[in-house]
Amino acid sequence: MEVLPFQIGNRVRDLETAMAQLSEAFGVRWTPPADLRSDGWDIRVVFSREDPPFLELVEGPEGSPWYV
């Protein structure tokens, strides 16, 4: 049985820049960015609106596991 990922996560340094570049290159549309707290870190997350697998972009502060 073939299993396809539901989402593909990518760490990015600047959420808006990454969103704009992927939108221009591939026509990706995005959900509004969400501010979340994970494992004690404040992060920003956005998901593509197209069918699965969804693209997930995560921007985290310096020193966090999500920092690029």
C-alpha atoms as a PDB file:
ATOM      1  CA  MET A   1       0.000   0.000   0.000  1.00  0.00           C
ATOM      2  CA  GLU A   2       1.364   3.418  -0.975  1.00  0.00           C
ATOM      3  CA  VAL A   3       1.159   6.100   1.711  1.00  0.00           C
ATOM      4  CA  LEU A   4       1.255   9.748   0.694  1.00  0.00           C
ATOM      5  CA  PRO A   5       2.132  12.462   3.205  1.00  0.00           C
ATOM      6  CA  PHE A   6      -0.701  14.684   4.352  1.00  0.00           C
ATOM      7  CA  GLN A   7       1.639  17.663   4.606  1.00  0.00           C
ATOM      8  CA  ILE A   8       5.204  18.577   3.815  1.00  0.00           C
ATOM      9  CA  GLY A   9       6.792  20.900   6.379  1.00  0.00           C
ATOM     10  CA  ASN A  10       9.471  23.440   5.570  1.00  0.00           C
ATOM     11  CA  ARG A  11      11.337  25.720   7.952  1.00  0.00           C
ATOM     12  CA  VAL A  12      11.734  29.242   6.592  1.00  0.00           C
ATOM     13  CA  ARG A  13      13.485  32.339   7.862  1.00  0.00           C
ATOM     14  CA  ASP A  14      10.837  34.791   6.597  1.00  0.00           C
ATOM     15  CA  LEU A  15       7.291  33.503   6.238  1.00  0.00           C
ATOM     16  CA  GLU A  16       5.977  36.259   3.962  1.00  0.00           C
ATOM     17  CA  THR A  17       8.960  36.047   1.595  1.00  0.00           C
ATOM     18  CA  ALA A  18       8.654  32.264   1.296  1.00  0.00           C
ATOM     19  CA  MET A  19       4.907  32.526   0.707  1.00  0.00           C
ATOM     20  CA  ALA A  20       5.398  35.119  -2.029  1.00  0.00           C
ATOM     21  CA  GLN A  21       8.156  33.131  -3.760  1.00  0.00           C
ATOM     22  CA  LEU A  22       6.167  29.885  -3.786  1.00  0.00           C
ATOM     23  CA  SER A  23       3.017  31.690  -4.908  1.00  0.00           C
ATOM     24  CA  GLU A  24       4.873  33.276  -7.816  1.00  0.00           C
ATOM     25  CA  ALA A  25       6.727  30.101  -8.827  1.00  0.00           C
ATOM     26  CA  PHE A  26       3.928  27.536  -8.405  1.00  0.00           C
ATOM     27  CA  GLY A  27       0.672  29.457  -7.945  1.00  0.00           C
ATOM     28  CA  VAL A  28       0.311  28.304  -4.338  1.00  0.00           C
ATOM     29  CA  ARG A  29      -2.449  29.947  -2.285  1.00  0.00           C
ATOM     30  CA  TRP A  30      -2.142  30.167   1.513  1.00  0.00           C
ATOM     31  CA  THR A  31      -4.215  30.161   4.665  1.00  0.00           C
ATOM     32  CA  PRO A  32      -3.725  33.204   6.898  1.00  0.00           C
ATOM     33  CA  PRO A  33      -0.562  32.847   9.033  1.00  0.00           C
ATOM     34  CA  ALA A  34      -1.195  31.555  12.552  1.00  0.00           C
ATOM     35  CA  ASP A  35       0.811  32.483  15.636  1.00  0.00           C
ATOM     36  CA  LEU A  36       1.307  29.378  17.779  1.00  0.00           C
ATOM     37  CA  ARG A  37       3.276  28.269  20.804  1.00  0.00           C
ATOM     38  CA  SER A  38       5.047  24.904  20.574  1.00  0.00           C
ATOM     39  CA  ASP A  39       7.384  23.397  23.151  1.00  0.00           C
ATOM     40  CA  GLY A  40       7.844  26.822  24.736  1.00  0.00           C
ATOM     41  CA  TRP A  41       8.625  28.621  21.471  1.00  0.00           C
ATOM     42  CA  ASP A  42       6.529  31.200  19.623  1.00  0.00           C
ATOM     43  CA  ILE A  43       6.265  30.159  15.979  1.00  0.00           C
ATOM     44  CA  ARG A  44       4.330  31.251  12.896  1.00  0.00           C
ATOM     45  CA  VAL A  45       2.742  28.653  10.621  1.00  0.00           C
ATOM     46  CA  VAL A  46       0.925  28.735   7.300  1.00  0.00           C
ATOM     47  CA  PHE A  47      -0.545  25.987   5.078  1.00  0.00           C
ATOM     48  CA  SER A  48      -1.213  25.822   1.364  1.00  0.00           C
ATOM     49  CA  ARG A  49      -4.865  25.718   0.317  1.00  0.00           C
ATOM     50  CA  GLU A  50      -4.448  23.235  -2.554  1.00  0.00           C
ATOM     51  CA  ASP A  51      -5.226  19.517  -2.237  1.00  0.00           C
ATOM     52  CA  PRO A  52      -3.000  17.212  -0.169  1.00  0.00           C
ATOM     53  CA  PRO A  53      -0.216  16.916   0.335  1.00  0.00           C
ATOM     54  CA  PHE A  54      -0.321  20.413   1.815  1.00  0.00           C
ATOM     55  CA  LEU A  55       2.752  22.602   2.089  1.00  0.00           C
ATOM     56  CA  GLU A  56       3.445  23.850   5.604  1.00  0.00           C
ATOM     57  CA  LEU A  57       5.808  26.754   6.238  1.00  0.00           C
ATOM     58  CA  VAL A  58       7.112  27.309   9.770  1.00  0.00           C
ATOM     59  CA  GLU A  59       9.011  30.391  10.935  1.00  0.00           C
ATOM     60  CA  GLY A  60      10.661  30.153  14.336  1.00  0.00           C
ATOM     61  CA  PRO A  61      12.894  32.401  16.424  1.00  0.00           C
ATOM     62  CA  GLU A  62      16.656  32.095  16.508  1.00  0.00           C
ATOM     63  CA  GLY A  63      17.751  29.213  18.725  1.00  0.00           C
ATOM     64  CA  SER A  64      14.512  27.277  18.243  1.00  0.00           C
ATOM     65  CA  PRO A  65      14.269  23.936  16.438  1.00  0.00           C
ATOM     66  CA  TRP A  66      12.389  25.775  13.657  1.00  0.00           C
ATOM     67  CA  TYR A  67      15.037  28.418  12.986  1.00  0.00           C
ATOM     68  CA  VAL A  68      16.839  28.211   9.651  1.00  0.00           C
END
